Amino acid sequence: QLQLVESGGGLVQPGGSLRLSCAASGFTLRNYAIGWFRQAPGEEREGVSCISRSGSNTKYANPVKDRFTISRDDAKNMVYLQMNSLKPDDTAIYYCAARGRDTTIQRMCDPSLFTYWGQGTQVTVSS
């Protein structure tokens, strides 16, 4: 059974950091492009950061540029999202997703192109 499981969410004060992890079971992540998405209450799901299958291309949403870093460790079958300088606006459920095919850089974080999704992990930024 193909499965993605996120972890690392929690409550953090503004300015703090968290590292989210995405673990795969039932398939090998190195064959897939991976994306991190988030959804806040009453909002649509949005792409946060995505990484190509090779890891050579990454993409970040404007609100998180220079604060978040996506990385992958194919030996461990894991993908990470390092989140620094967190803001209350970053509060959301964060999901990782996998996509088997490459696409254009413009569409790297298009959620409609991702096949497998995790259940999400809550991130709350509050004082």
Foldseek 3Di string as FASTA:
>chain_A
DWAKAKDFADEAAAQAKIKMKIAIPPDQQLLWKKWKWWDDVPGDIFTAKIAGSNRPDMDGDPVQPPFWDWDDDRVRRMIMIIGGRDDQVVWTWMKMFIARDDDDPVCRRPVVRTDHIHPTDTHGYHD
